[in-house]
Every structure is written in structure tokens, then in C-alpha cells.
Amino acid sequence: MESSTSAKLLSSNERSKFREATVDLIAGSLGGAANVFVGQSLDTVKVKMQTFPTLYNNMFSCFKTTFAKDGIRGLYAGTVPALAANIAENSVLFAGYGVCQKAVAWAIDIPKVQDLSPLANASAGFFAAFFSSLTLCPTELVKCRLQALQETQGLANGKSKAKSVGPWTITREIIKNEGFKGMFRGLVPTFAREMPGYFCFFGGYELCRHLLTPPGKTKDEIGAVRTIVCGGVGGISLWVAIFPFDVIKSRVQVSQAASQPMMKMLFHIARTEGVMALYNGLGPTIIRTFPGTGALFLAYETSRKFMNEFCDKF
């Protein structure tokens, strides 16, 4: 009898863990999609400025030139792989974040995940980003190449107008020329960007939630506006902390000639182009990040709450 009760409790506990992971996976996917729709055009500007700093003096000229040549479609180049990247990354990231929160809570002997400090949540985000980087790198590679297509083809053949290609054409071309491992070009700088970045991301978000939670309420009851603000703070914390590594990642993924080790490339850029070249594209990134990550966390927290309430009825 005792063995049967223990088995039932174990089964119930396993179902609960599976449900939590599934809810985090779906909510993260919805958050990733919201982030793309809000900020994709300025992400295109960021990648162009990072990869071709001599062609664009500032984000306004880059935005204007891209719109004049390719219209809205040019500003939203790479949206399909960006959606794939963000949905894949954020679904794995938030599912991994939930699992890593439990692991961190177990390691520091805290009974409830809700009682973790902002530093502990930041640590969980750091480890979760390792797994999300593996899903992000291939889709981010295709996105960056599509966003910089106008410039790369223009430099290669001297034409002002690039031929239109899609994400599948780019993917086939990469695999044909570089093999399957070519899809993971830029993985090391992706790790270097994502892991410390998401330490700052979740740390900033959770610290802001902690500070904005009114007395007598929980962090889940702070409302939509404060959730957006906390998400924006988390996003800005991420990008300000790791932007030089994002510049290197973009150059490695767009240019097949960029084969230097990551740190050697960082010092080379700083020495030949100046330290500020490592922050090319930071302006449009900050502008898009606040509403983008605000929308991400609002979609994540709202859908997560809704799905948990729905599951509790059954």
C-alpha cells in the first residue's frame, strides 16, 4: 500500500514537472515571437552597422538607405529566420531557465523557486543560455546573412541591387560550401554573448521586479506596465554588457573571410577601427530592446499565468 502511494506521488510529481516545462516552453515561444514583431526593423539596422561600419555613419542613414533601396521588406529582411531563432531560443531558454532555477534552488537549499534572489535567478539564466545558444546559432547565422545580403552581394559584384533570395537558399548555400558544421559558424562568440548576457538579462529583470513589487503583493502581481518596464531593463542590461561580442558574432557569421579567434578579432577591431567600433549598432539596439523585451516578458508572463490557471482546472 505504501509502495503504491509512493508511486502515485512520484507520478504526480513527474507530471507536474513536465507541465511546468511545457508551459515555459510555449510561453517562451510566444514571447520570442512578440519580440521579433516589435523590433525586427531596428535589428536589421544593427546588423548592417556592425558588419559594414564604413558604409553607414549612424542608424538614421542606415535606416533611410535600406528603406530607399529595399522598402519595408528590406528592413524586415531575415524575419522568417529571426522568428525561427527567437522562438527556438526563447522556448529552450525559458524551459531551461525553469529547470535551472530548480537546480540552483536545490544547490543553495531554498525550498521554493519563488524565493530565489535576483543573483540566484541570474545564475539560472547563465546556465540556461548554454542550451539556448545551440538552437540560436544556426538560425541567427541565416538571419544575419539575409540582413547583410544587399551589402555583401554589392561588394562582391559591384551591383547596387542584390538578387532576392530566401532563408532556405542561404541555408543550402552554407551547407554546400561549408558542410553542416558551417551552420554553427560563430558558436563560440554566441556562447560568449549569450551566457553572461542572460546572467545580466534575468538578473536585471528579477531585480527590477523585486524593487517594483508593492508591499503585500507577489512579483506575479505587479501588472502589465511594470512587467514591460522590468523586461526593458533586463534587455538593456544584456546588450550594454555584451555588445562587443555581438559585433564579433555578426562579422564572423556574415563574412566567411573572418576566421580569426574571437579575442584576437576583438583586439584587432579595437586597434584598427577604435574601441567605439565594438559598439556600432548599439543605438538602434537600445531603442528596439526596451519595447521588444518588454513585449517578450509581457507575452511570457501573461501566457504562462493563463496556461497555469487553465491546467489547474483539470
C-alpha atoms as a PDB file:
ATOM      1  CA  MET A   1       0.000   0.000   0.000  1.00  0.00           C
ATOM      2  CA  GLU A   2       2.807   2.371   0.974  1.00  0.00           C
ATOM      3  CA  SER A   3       4.658   1.475  -2.238  1.00  0.00           C
ATOM      4  CA  SER A   4       1.545   2.232  -4.325  1.00  0.00           C
ATOM      5  CA  THR A   5       1.048   5.628  -2.640  1.00  0.00           C
ATOM      6  CA  SER A   6       4.713   6.486  -3.179  1.00  0.00           C
ATOM      7  CA  ALA A   7       4.458   5.555  -6.870  1.00  0.00           C
ATOM      8  CA  LYS A   8       1.373   7.756  -7.274  1.00  0.00           C
ATOM      9  CA  LEU A   9       3.104  10.699  -5.610  1.00  0.00           C
ATOM     10  CA  LEU A  10       6.141  10.196  -7.848  1.00  0.00           C
ATOM     11  CA  SER A  11       3.938  10.027 -10.931  1.00  0.00           C
ATOM     12  CA  SER A  12       2.077  13.188  -9.880  1.00  0.00           C
ATOM     13  CA  ASN A  13       5.370  14.991  -9.252  1.00  0.00           C
ATOM     14  CA  GLU A  14       6.731  13.968 -12.673  1.00  0.00           C
ATOM     15  CA  ARG A  15       3.537  15.186 -14.380  1.00  0.00           C
ATOM     16  CA  SER A  16       3.814  18.496 -12.549  1.00  0.00           C
ATOM     17  CA  LYS A  17       7.441  18.959 -13.677  1.00  0.00           C
ATOM     18  CA  PHE A  18       6.535  18.052 -17.263  1.00  0.00           C
ATOM     19  CA  ARG A  19       3.633  20.526 -17.207  1.00  0.00           C
ATOM     20  CA  GLU A  20       5.822  23.333 -15.874  1.00  0.00           C
ATOM     21  CA  ALA A  21       8.489  22.705 -18.515  1.00  0.00           C
ATOM     22  CA  THR A  22       5.864  22.588 -21.299  1.00  0.00           C
ATOM     23  CA  VAL A  23       4.219  25.807 -20.118  1.00  0.00           C
ATOM     24  CA  ASP A  24       7.625  27.569 -20.008  1.00  0.00           C
ATOM     25  CA  LEU A  25       8.431  26.224 -23.499  1.00  0.00           C
ATOM     26  CA  ILE A  26       5.185  27.533 -25.046  1.00  0.00           C
ATOM     27  CA  ALA A  27       5.247  30.839 -23.153  1.00  0.00           C
ATOM     28  CA  GLY A  28       8.861  31.401 -24.210  1.00  0.00           C
ATOM     29  CA  SER A  29       7.892  30.771 -27.851  1.00  0.00           C
ATOM     30  CA  LEU A  30       5.108  33.358 -27.680  1.00  0.00           C
ATOM     31  CA  GLY A  31       7.447  35.840 -26.023  1.00  0.00           C
ATOM     32  CA  GLY A  32      10.081  35.315 -28.719  1.00  0.00           C
ATOM     33  CA  ALA A  33       7.539  35.951 -31.489  1.00  0.00           C
ATOM     34  CA  ALA A  34       6.369  39.175 -29.800  1.00  0.00           C
ATOM     35  CA  ASN A  35       9.983  40.356 -29.545  1.00  0.00           C
ATOM     36  CA  VAL A  36      10.602  39.865 -33.277  1.00  0.00           C
ATOM     37  CA  PHE A  37       7.468  41.676 -34.458  1.00  0.00           C
ATOM     38  CA  VAL A  38       8.241  44.690 -32.261  1.00  0.00           C
ATOM     39  CA  GLY A  39      11.966  45.083 -33.003  1.00  0.00           C
ATOM     40  CA  GLN A  40      12.977  43.384 -36.276  1.00  0.00           C
ATOM     41  CA  SER A  41      13.486  46.516 -38.402  1.00  0.00           C
ATOM     42  CA  LEU A  42      15.983  48.021 -35.950  1.00  0.00           C
ATOM     43  CA  ASP A  43      17.722  44.655 -35.601  1.00  0.00           C
ATOM     44  CA  THR A  44      18.402  44.819 -39.356  1.00  0.00           C
ATOM     45  CA  VAL A  45      19.904  48.296 -38.891  1.00  0.00           C
ATOM     46  CA  LYS A  46      22.063  46.979 -36.030  1.00  0.00           C
ATOM     47  CA  VAL A  47      23.489  44.087 -38.080  1.00  0.00           C
ATOM     48  CA  LYS A  48      24.277  46.351 -41.074  1.00  0.00           C
ATOM     49  CA  MET A  49      26.068  48.884 -38.850  1.00  0.00           C
ATOM     50  CA  GLN A  50      28.063  46.150 -37.099  1.00  0.00           C
ATOM     51  CA  THR A  51      29.124  44.415 -40.292  1.00  0.00           C
ATOM     52  CA  PHE A  52      29.713  47.418 -42.596  1.00  0.00           C
ATOM     53  CA  PRO A  53      30.778  50.292 -40.322  1.00  0.00           C
ATOM     54  CA  THR A  54      32.347  52.223 -43.220  1.00  0.00           C
ATOM     55  CA  LEU A  55      29.091  52.277 -45.211  1.00  0.00           C
ATOM     56  CA  TYR A  56      26.838  53.740 -42.503  1.00  0.00           C
ATOM     57  CA  ASN A  57      27.710  56.692 -40.266  1.00  0.00           C
ATOM     58  CA  ASN A  58      24.681  56.369 -37.987  1.00  0.00           C
ATOM     59  CA  MET A  59      21.451  54.444 -37.576  1.00  0.00           C
ATOM     60  CA  PHE A  60      19.336  57.100 -39.294  1.00  0.00           C
ATOM     61  CA  SER A  61      21.350  56.988 -42.517  1.00  0.00           C
ATOM     62  CA  CYS A  62      21.347  53.182 -42.405  1.00  0.00           C
ATOM     63  CA  PHE A  63      17.571  53.070 -41.881  1.00  0.00           C
ATOM     64  CA  LYS A  64      16.993  55.650 -44.651  1.00  0.00           C
ATOM     65  CA  THR A  65      19.316  53.949 -47.168  1.00  0.00           C
ATOM     66  CA  THR A  66      17.846  50.499 -46.528  1.00  0.00           C
ATOM     67  CA  PHE A  67      14.287  51.773 -46.835  1.00  0.00           C
ATOM     68  CA  ALA A  68      15.115  53.715 -50.036  1.00  0.00           C
ATOM     69  CA  LYS A  69      16.706  50.665 -51.704  1.00  0.00           C
ATOM     70  CA  ASP A  70      14.519  47.823 -50.479  1.00  0.00           C
ATOM     71  CA  GLY A  71      11.495  49.354 -48.759  1.00  0.00           C
ATOM     72  CA  ILE A  72       9.798  47.788 -45.737  1.00  0.00           C
ATOM     73  CA  ARG A  73      10.801  44.357 -46.999  1.00  0.00           C
ATOM     74  CA  GLY A  74      14.474  45.323 -46.684  1.00  0.00           C
ATOM     75  CA  LEU A  75      14.031  46.480 -43.095  1.00  0.00           C
ATOM     76  CA  TYR A  76      12.305  43.212 -42.265  1.00  0.00           C
ATOM     77  CA  ALA A  77      14.823  41.035 -44.110  1.00  0.00           C
ATOM     78  CA  GLY A  78      15.500  37.877 -42.181  1.00  0.00           C
ATOM     79  CA  THR A  79      12.159  37.950 -40.345  1.00  0.00           C
ATOM     80  CA  VAL A  80      11.465  34.243 -41.016  1.00  0.00           C
ATOM     81  CA  PRO A  81      14.805  33.031 -39.600  1.00  0.00           C
ATOM     82  CA  ALA A  82      14.515  35.694 -36.869  1.00  0.00           C
ATOM     83  CA  LEU A  83      11.154  34.221 -35.859  1.00  0.00           C
ATOM     84  CA  ALA A  84      12.643  30.731 -36.001  1.00  0.00           C
ATOM     85  CA  ALA A  85      15.656  31.911 -33.995  1.00  0.00           C
ATOM     86  CA  ASN A  86      13.649  33.717 -31.335  1.00  0.00           C
ATOM     87  CA  ILE A  87      11.004  31.030 -30.975  1.00  0.00           C
ATOM     88  CA  ALA A  88      13.643  28.287 -30.801  1.00  0.00           C
ATOM     89  CA  GLU A  89      15.928  30.272 -28.498  1.00  0.00           C
ATOM     90  CA  ASN A  90      13.269  31.571 -26.117  1.00  0.00           C
ATOM     91  CA  SER A  91      11.354  28.301 -25.885  1.00  0.00           C
ATOM     92  CA  VAL A  92      14.567  26.457 -24.937  1.00  0.00           C
ATOM     93  CA  LEU A  93      15.817  29.403 -22.849  1.00  0.00           C
ATOM     94  CA  PHE A  94      12.720  29.728 -20.686  1.00  0.00           C
ATOM     95  CA  ALA A  95      12.227  25.966 -20.372  1.00  0.00           C
ATOM     96  CA  GLY A  96      15.904  25.680 -19.407  1.00  0.00           C
ATOM     97  CA  TYR A  97      15.564  28.681 -17.098  1.00  0.00           C
ATOM     98  CA  GLY A  98      12.785  26.944 -15.158  1.00  0.00           C
ATOM     99  CA  VAL A  99      14.861  23.766 -14.823  1.00  0.00           C
ATOM    100  CA  CYS A 100      17.999  25.722 -13.871  1.00  0.00           C
ATOM    101  CA  GLN A 101      16.050  27.728 -11.270  1.00  0.00           C
ATOM    102  CA  LYS A 102      15.099  24.449  -9.591  1.00  0.00           C
ATOM    103  CA  ALA A 103      18.721  23.237  -9.773  1.00  0.00           C
ATOM    104  CA  VAL A 104      20.036  26.489  -8.261  1.00  0.00           C
ATOM    105  CA  ALA A 105      17.352  26.388  -5.537  1.00  0.00           C
ATOM    106  CA  TRP A 106      18.388  22.799  -4.720  1.00  0.00           C
ATOM    107  CA  ALA A 107      22.099  23.730  -4.705  1.00  0.00           C
ATOM    108  CA  ILE A 108      21.656  26.623  -2.250  1.00  0.00           C
ATOM    109  CA  ASP A 109      18.960  24.836  -0.213  1.00  0.00           C
ATOM    110  CA  ILE A 110      15.988  27.111  -0.887  1.00  0.00           C
ATOM    111  CA  PRO A 111      12.656  25.219  -0.821  1.00  0.00           C
ATOM    112  CA  LYS A 112      10.710  27.414  -3.296  1.00  0.00           C
ATOM    113  CA  VAL A 113      11.885  28.834  -6.633  1.00  0.00           C
ATOM    114  CA  GLN A 114       9.810  31.961  -5.941  1.00  0.00           C
ATOM    115  CA  ASP A 115      12.140  32.772  -3.010  1.00  0.00           C
ATOM    116  CA  LEU A 116      15.315  32.879  -5.139  1.00  0.00           C
ATOM    117  CA  SER A 117      17.261  36.139  -5.016  1.00  0.00           C
ATOM    118  CA  PRO A 118      17.929  38.180  -8.193  1.00  0.00           C
ATOM    119  CA  LEU A 119      21.541  36.889  -8.136  1.00  0.00           C
ATOM    120  CA  ALA A 120      20.364  33.262  -7.966  1.00  0.00           C
ATOM    121  CA  ASN A 121      17.929  33.872 -10.847  1.00  0.00           C
ATOM    122  CA  ALA A 122      20.738  35.500 -12.833  1.00  0.00           C
ATOM    123  CA  SER A 123      22.862  32.374 -12.288  1.00  0.00           C
ATOM    124  CA  ALA A 124      19.998  30.186 -13.549  1.00  0.00           C
ATOM    125  CA  GLY A 125      19.786  32.377 -16.660  1.00  0.00           C
ATOM    126  CA  PHE A 126      23.536  31.999 -17.230  1.00  0.00           C
ATOM    127  CA  PHE A 127      23.321  28.190 -17.352  1.00  0.00           C
ATOM    128  CA  ALA A 128      20.059  28.148 -19.362  1.00  0.00           C
ATOM    129  CA  ALA A 129      21.718  30.255 -22.084  1.00  0.00           C
ATOM    130  CA  PHE A 130      24.202  27.463 -22.836  1.00  0.00           C
ATOM    131  CA  PHE A 131      21.373  25.288 -24.177  1.00  0.00           C
ATOM    132  CA  SER A 132      19.556  28.090 -25.997  1.00  0.00           C
ATOM    133  CA  SER A 133      22.797  29.092 -27.786  1.00  0.00           C
ATOM    134  CA  LEU A 134      22.859  25.711 -29.556  1.00  0.00           C
ATOM    135  CA  THR A 135      19.428  26.390 -31.075  1.00  0.00           C
ATOM    136  CA  LEU A 136      20.103  30.069 -31.747  1.00  0.00           C
ATOM    137  CA  CYS A 137      23.407  29.922 -33.634  1.00  0.00           C
ATOM    138  CA  PRO A 138      22.245  28.310 -36.938  1.00  0.00           C
ATOM    139  CA  THR A 139      19.105  30.465 -37.302  1.00  0.00           C
ATOM    140  CA  GLU A 140      20.982  33.626 -36.271  1.00  0.00           C
ATOM    141  CA  LEU A 141      23.602  32.842 -38.925  1.00  0.00           C
ATOM    142  CA  VAL A 142      20.971  32.720 -41.690  1.00  0.00           C
ATOM    143  CA  LYS A 143      19.255  35.868 -40.362  1.00  0.00           C
ATOM    144  CA  CYS A 144      22.498  37.884 -40.335  1.00  0.00           C
ATOM    145  CA  ARG A 145      23.399  36.810 -43.880  1.00  0.00           C
ATOM    146  CA  LEU A 146      19.962  37.781 -45.161  1.00  0.00           C
ATOM    147  CA  GLN A 147      20.116  41.150 -43.409  1.00  0.00           C
ATOM    148  CA  ALA A 148      23.543  41.941 -44.891  1.00  0.00           C
ATOM    149  CA  LEU A 149      22.765  40.486 -48.348  1.00  0.00           C
ATOM    150  CA  GLN A 150      22.499  43.871 -50.079  1.00  0.00           C
ATOM    151  CA  GLU A 151      25.971  44.864 -48.912  1.00  0.00           C
ATOM    152  CA  THR A 152      27.755  41.513 -49.368  1.00  0.00           C
ATOM    153  CA  GLN A 153      26.478  40.998 -52.927  1.00  0.00           C
ATOM    154  CA  GLY A 154      27.095  44.640 -53.774  1.00  0.00           C
ATOM    155  CA  LEU A 155      30.715  44.399 -52.661  1.00  0.00           C
ATOM    156  CA  ALA A 156      31.178  41.081 -54.460  1.00  0.00           C
ATOM    157  CA  ASN A 157      29.820  42.033 -57.911  1.00  0.00           C
ATOM    158  CA  GLY A 158      29.700  45.828 -57.857  1.00  0.00           C
ATOM    159  CA  LYS A 159      25.945  45.952 -58.382  1.00  0.00           C
ATOM    160  CA  SER A 160      23.757  48.281 -56.334  1.00  0.00           C
ATOM    161  CA  LYS A 161      20.839  45.851 -56.203  1.00  0.00           C
ATOM    162  CA  ALA A 162      21.137  42.382 -54.721  1.00  0.00           C
ATOM    163  CA  LYS A 163      19.143  39.495 -56.083  1.00  0.00           C
ATOM    164  CA  SER A 164      16.356  38.300 -53.848  1.00  0.00           C
ATOM    165  CA  VAL A 165      16.972  35.032 -52.015  1.00  0.00           C
ATOM    166  CA  GLY A 166      15.237  33.358 -49.106  1.00  0.00           C
ATOM    167  CA  PRO A 167      16.371  31.632 -45.914  1.00  0.00           C
ATOM    168  CA  TRP A 168      16.317  28.152 -47.480  1.00  0.00           C
ATOM    169  CA  THR A 169      18.612  29.266 -50.314  1.00  0.00           C
ATOM    170  CA  ILE A 170      21.065  30.717 -47.794  1.00  0.00           C
ATOM    171  CA  THR A 171      20.903  27.538 -45.696  1.00  0.00           C
ATOM    172  CA  ARG A 172      21.585  25.271 -48.711  1.00  0.00           C
ATOM    173  CA  GLU A 173      24.458  27.503 -49.774  1.00  0.00           C
ATOM    174  CA  ILE A 174      26.088  27.360 -46.327  1.00  0.00           C
ATOM    175  CA  ILE A 175      25.786  23.562 -46.095  1.00  0.00           C
ATOM    176  CA  LYS A 176      27.076  23.130 -49.677  1.00  0.00           C
ATOM    177  CA  ASN A 177      30.114  25.378 -49.150  1.00  0.00           C
ATOM    178  CA  GLU A 178      30.964  24.718 -45.503  1.00  0.00           C
ATOM    179  CA  GLY A 179      29.209  21.487 -44.577  1.00  0.00           C
ATOM    180  CA  PHE A 180      26.774  21.026 -41.689  1.00  0.00           C
ATOM    181  CA  LYS A 181      29.304  22.420 -39.209  1.00  0.00           C
ATOM    182  CA  GLY A 182      29.119  25.676 -41.176  1.00  0.00           C
ATOM    183  CA  MET A 183      25.650  26.191 -39.682  1.00  0.00           C
ATOM    184  CA  PHE A 184      27.386  26.634 -36.311  1.00  0.00           C
ATOM    185  CA  ARG A 185      29.799  29.291 -37.530  1.00  0.00           C
ATOM    186  CA  GLY A 186      30.117  31.852 -34.734  1.00  0.00           C
ATOM    187  CA  LEU A 187      29.119  29.424 -31.948  1.00  0.00           C
ATOM    188  CA  VAL A 188      31.965  30.468 -29.606  1.00  0.00           C
ATOM    189  CA  PRO A 189      31.138  34.198 -29.750  1.00  0.00           C
ATOM    190  CA  THR A 190      27.468  33.198 -29.412  1.00  0.00           C
ATOM    191  CA  PHE A 191      28.302  31.431 -26.116  1.00  0.00           C
ATOM    192  CA  ALA A 192      30.391  34.448 -25.071  1.00  0.00           C
ATOM    193  CA  ARG A 193      27.450  36.725 -25.813  1.00  0.00           C
ATOM    194  CA  GLU A 194      24.546  34.642 -24.564  1.00  0.00           C
ATOM    195  CA  MET A 195      25.752  33.219 -21.223  1.00  0.00           C
ATOM    196  CA  PRO A 196      26.986  36.398 -19.480  1.00  0.00           C
ATOM    197  CA  GLY A 197      24.291  38.310 -21.373  1.00  0.00           C
ATOM    198  CA  TYR A 198      21.469  36.265 -19.907  1.00  0.00           C
ATOM    199  CA  PHE A 199      23.058  36.495 -16.470  1.00  0.00           C
ATOM    200  CA  CYS A 200      22.535  40.260 -16.793  1.00  0.00           C
ATOM    201  CA  PHE A 201      19.177  39.808 -18.557  1.00  0.00           C
ATOM    202  CA  PHE A 202      17.453  37.712 -15.895  1.00  0.00           C
ATOM    203  CA  GLY A 203      19.348  39.449 -13.088  1.00  0.00           C
ATOM    204  CA  GLY A 204      18.192  42.882 -14.262  1.00  0.00           C
ATOM    205  CA  TYR A 205      14.642  41.664 -14.846  1.00  0.00           C
ATOM    206  CA  GLU A 206      14.287  39.943 -11.465  1.00  0.00           C
ATOM    207  CA  LEU A 207      15.981  42.789  -9.548  1.00  0.00           C
ATOM    208  CA  CYS A 208      13.632  45.295 -11.164  1.00  0.00           C
ATOM    209  CA  ARG A 209      10.610  43.075 -10.364  1.00  0.00           C
ATOM    210  CA  HIS A 210      11.835  42.799  -6.767  1.00  0.00           C
ATOM    211  CA  LEU A 211      12.132  46.591  -6.462  1.00  0.00           C
ATOM    212  CA  LEU A 212       8.774  47.330  -8.136  1.00  0.00           C
ATOM    213  CA  THR A 213       6.705  44.772  -6.196  1.00  0.00           C
ATOM    214  CA  PRO A 214       4.328  46.658  -3.841  1.00  0.00           C
ATOM    215  CA  PRO A 215       4.208  45.585  -0.168  1.00  0.00           C
ATOM    216  CA  GLY A 216       1.851  42.673   0.402  1.00  0.00           C
ATOM    217  CA  LYS A 217       1.950  41.505  -3.231  1.00  0.00           C
ATOM    218  CA  THR A 218       3.992  38.952  -5.166  1.00  0.00           C
ATOM    219  CA  LYS A 219       6.180  39.559  -8.225  1.00  0.00           C
ATOM    220  CA  ASP A 220       3.468  37.979 -10.386  1.00  0.00           C
ATOM    221  CA  GLU A 221       1.013  40.709  -9.383  1.00  0.00           C
ATOM    222  CA  ILE A 222       2.908  43.817 -10.493  1.00  0.00           C
ATOM    223  CA  GLY A 223       0.764  44.351 -13.620  1.00  0.00           C
ATOM    224  CA  ALA A 224       1.452  44.782 -17.343  1.00  0.00           C
ATOM    225  CA  VAL A 225       3.166  48.209 -17.296  1.00  0.00           C
ATOM    226  CA  ARG A 226       5.675  47.261 -14.602  1.00  0.00           C
ATOM    227  CA  THR A 227       6.327  43.925 -16.327  1.00  0.00           C
ATOM    228  CA  ILE A 228       7.161  45.787 -19.571  1.00  0.00           C
ATOM    229  CA  VAL A 229       9.474  48.166 -17.678  1.00  0.00           C
ATOM    230  CA  CYS A 230      11.236  45.240 -15.962  1.00  0.00           C
ATOM    231  CA  GLY A 231      11.617  43.450 -19.298  1.00  0.00           C
ATOM    232  CA  GLY A 232      13.077  46.584 -20.872  1.00  0.00           C
ATOM    233  CA  VAL A 233      15.592  46.958 -18.027  1.00  0.00           C
ATOM    234  CA  GLY A 234      16.607  43.301 -18.435  1.00  0.00           C
ATOM    235  CA  GLY A 235      17.083  43.707 -22.188  1.00  0.00           C
ATOM    236  CA  ILE A 236      19.186  46.860 -21.874  1.00  0.00           C
ATOM    237  CA  SER A 237      21.308  45.197 -19.156  1.00  0.00           C
ATOM    238  CA  LEU A 238      22.018  42.327 -21.564  1.00  0.00           C
ATOM    239  CA  TRP A 239      23.033  44.411 -24.567  1.00  0.00           C
ATOM    240  CA  VAL A 240      25.153  47.004 -22.760  1.00  0.00           C
ATOM    241  CA  ALA A 241      27.114  44.207 -21.064  1.00  0.00           C
ATOM    242  CA  ILE A 242      27.874  42.037 -24.106  1.00  0.00           C
ATOM    243  CA  PHE A 243      27.580  44.208 -27.217  1.00  0.00           C
ATOM    244  CA  PRO A 244      31.254  43.885 -28.364  1.00  0.00           C
ATOM    245  CA  PHE A 245      30.796  40.101 -28.593  1.00  0.00           C
ATOM    246  CA  ASP A 246      27.659  40.614 -30.665  1.00  0.00           C
ATOM    247  CA  VAL A 247      29.661  42.757 -33.119  1.00  0.00           C
ATOM    248  CA  ILE A 248      32.214  39.950 -33.455  1.00  0.00           C
ATOM    249  CA  LYS A 249      29.474  37.325 -33.877  1.00  0.00           C
ATOM    250  CA  SER A 250      27.821  39.333 -36.659  1.00  0.00           C
ATOM    251  CA  ARG A 251      31.101  39.777 -38.547  1.00  0.00           C
ATOM    252  CA  VAL A 252      32.052  36.106 -38.187  1.00  0.00           C
ATOM    253  CA  GLN A 253      28.650  34.954 -39.419  1.00  0.00           C
ATOM    254  CA  VAL A 254      28.338  37.406 -42.329  1.00  0.00           C
ATOM    255  CA  SER A 255      31.923  37.278 -43.636  1.00  0.00           C
ATOM    256  CA  GLN A 256      33.393  33.873 -44.486  1.00  0.00           C
ATOM    257  CA  ALA A 257      36.823  35.544 -44.503  1.00  0.00           C
ATOM    258  CA  ALA A 258      36.506  36.399 -40.798  1.00  0.00           C
ATOM    259  CA  SER A 259      38.246  33.364 -39.329  1.00  0.00           C
ATOM    260  CA  GLN A 260      40.361  34.889 -36.553  1.00  0.00           C
ATOM    261  CA  PRO A 261      39.918  33.647 -32.963  1.00  0.00           C
ATOM    262  CA  MET A 262      37.315  35.661 -31.082  1.00  0.00           C
ATOM    263  CA  MET A 263      39.586  37.588 -28.702  1.00  0.00           C
ATOM    264  CA  LYS A 264      42.148  38.264 -31.437  1.00  0.00           C
ATOM    265  CA  MET A 265      39.391  39.754 -33.594  1.00  0.00           C
ATOM    266  CA  LEU A 266      38.156  41.869 -30.683  1.00  0.00           C
ATOM    267  CA  PHE A 267      41.600  43.410 -30.127  1.00  0.00           C
ATOM    268  CA  HIS A 268      42.138  43.799 -33.891  1.00  0.00           C
ATOM    269  CA  ILE A 269      38.898  45.785 -34.268  1.00  0.00           C
ATOM    270  CA  ALA A 270      39.730  47.941 -31.234  1.00  0.00           C
ATOM    271  CA  ARG A 271      43.247  48.625 -32.563  1.00  0.00           C
ATOM    272  CA  THR A 272      42.414  49.304 -36.236  1.00  0.00           C
ATOM    273  CA  GLU A 273      38.921  50.835 -36.014  1.00  0.00           C
ATOM    274  CA  GLY A 274      38.831  52.173 -32.474  1.00  0.00           C
ATOM    275  CA  VAL A 275      37.075  50.915 -29.351  1.00  0.00           C
ATOM    276  CA  MET A 276      33.795  52.546 -30.364  1.00  0.00           C
ATOM    277  CA  ALA A 277      33.652  50.242 -33.426  1.00  0.00           C
ATOM    278  CA  LEU A 278      32.818  47.481 -30.936  1.00  0.00           C
ATOM    279  CA  TYR A 279      29.637  49.407 -30.149  1.00  0.00           C
ATOM    280  CA  ASN A 280      28.480  50.023 -33.741  1.00  0.00           C
ATOM    281  CA  GLY A 281      24.716  49.496 -33.792  1.00  0.00           C
ATOM    282  CA  LEU A 282      24.204  49.953 -30.032  1.00  0.00           C
ATOM    283  CA  GLY A 283      21.827  52.899 -30.607  1.00  0.00           C
ATOM    284  CA  PRO A 284      19.162  51.018 -32.601  1.00  0.00           C
ATOM    285  CA  THR A 285      19.641  48.011 -30.323  1.00  0.00           C
ATOM    286  CA  ILE A 286      18.810  50.021 -27.184  1.00  0.00           C
ATOM    287  CA  ILE A 287      15.842  51.694 -28.916  1.00  0.00           C
ATOM    288  CA  ARG A 288      14.355  48.372 -30.041  1.00  0.00           C
ATOM    289  CA  THR A 289      15.281  46.445 -26.891  1.00  0.00           C
ATOM    290  CA  PHE A 290      13.088  48.258 -24.388  1.00  0.00           C
ATOM    291  CA  PRO A 291       9.760  47.691 -26.172  1.00  0.00           C
ATOM    292  CA  GLY A 292      10.953  44.365 -27.638  1.00  0.00           C
ATOM    293  CA  THR A 293      11.961  42.672 -24.401  1.00  0.00           C
ATOM    294  CA  GLY A 294       9.071  44.375 -22.632  1.00  0.00           C
ATOM    295  CA  ALA A 295       6.723  42.672 -25.109  1.00  0.00           C
ATOM    296  CA  LEU A 296       8.646  39.399 -24.684  1.00  0.00           C
ATOM    297  CA  PHE A 297       8.206  39.280 -20.907  1.00  0.00           C
ATOM    298  CA  LEU A 298       4.616  40.540 -21.038  1.00  0.00           C
ATOM    299  CA  ALA A 299       3.710  37.761 -23.503  1.00  0.00           C
ATOM    300  CA  TYR A 300       5.685  35.208 -21.475  1.00  0.00           C
ATOM    301  CA  GLU A 301       4.267  36.096 -18.047  1.00  0.00           C
ATOM    302  CA  THR A 302       0.685  36.574 -19.298  1.00  0.00           C
ATOM    303  CA  SER A 303       0.539  33.342 -21.334  1.00  0.00           C
ATOM    304  CA  ARG A 304       2.288  31.408 -18.547  1.00  0.00           C
ATOM    305  CA  LYS A 305      -0.232  32.617 -15.985  1.00  0.00           C
ATOM    306  CA  PHE A 306      -3.142  31.818 -18.307  1.00  0.00           C
ATOM    307  CA  MET A 307      -1.876  28.302 -19.089  1.00  0.00           C
ATOM    308  CA  ASN A 308      -1.195  27.515 -15.435  1.00  0.00           C
ATOM    309  CA  GLU A 309      -4.706  28.662 -14.460  1.00  0.00           C
ATOM    310  CA  PHE A 310      -6.170  26.598 -17.306  1.00  0.00           C
ATOM    311  CA  CYS A 311      -4.216  23.465 -16.277  1.00  0.00           C
ATOM    312  CA  ASP A 312      -5.233  23.886 -12.629  1.00  0.00           C
ATOM    313  CA  LYS A 313      -8.889  23.400 -13.641  1.00  0.00           C
ATOM    314  CA  PHE A 314      -8.181  19.840 -14.818  1.00  0.00           C
END
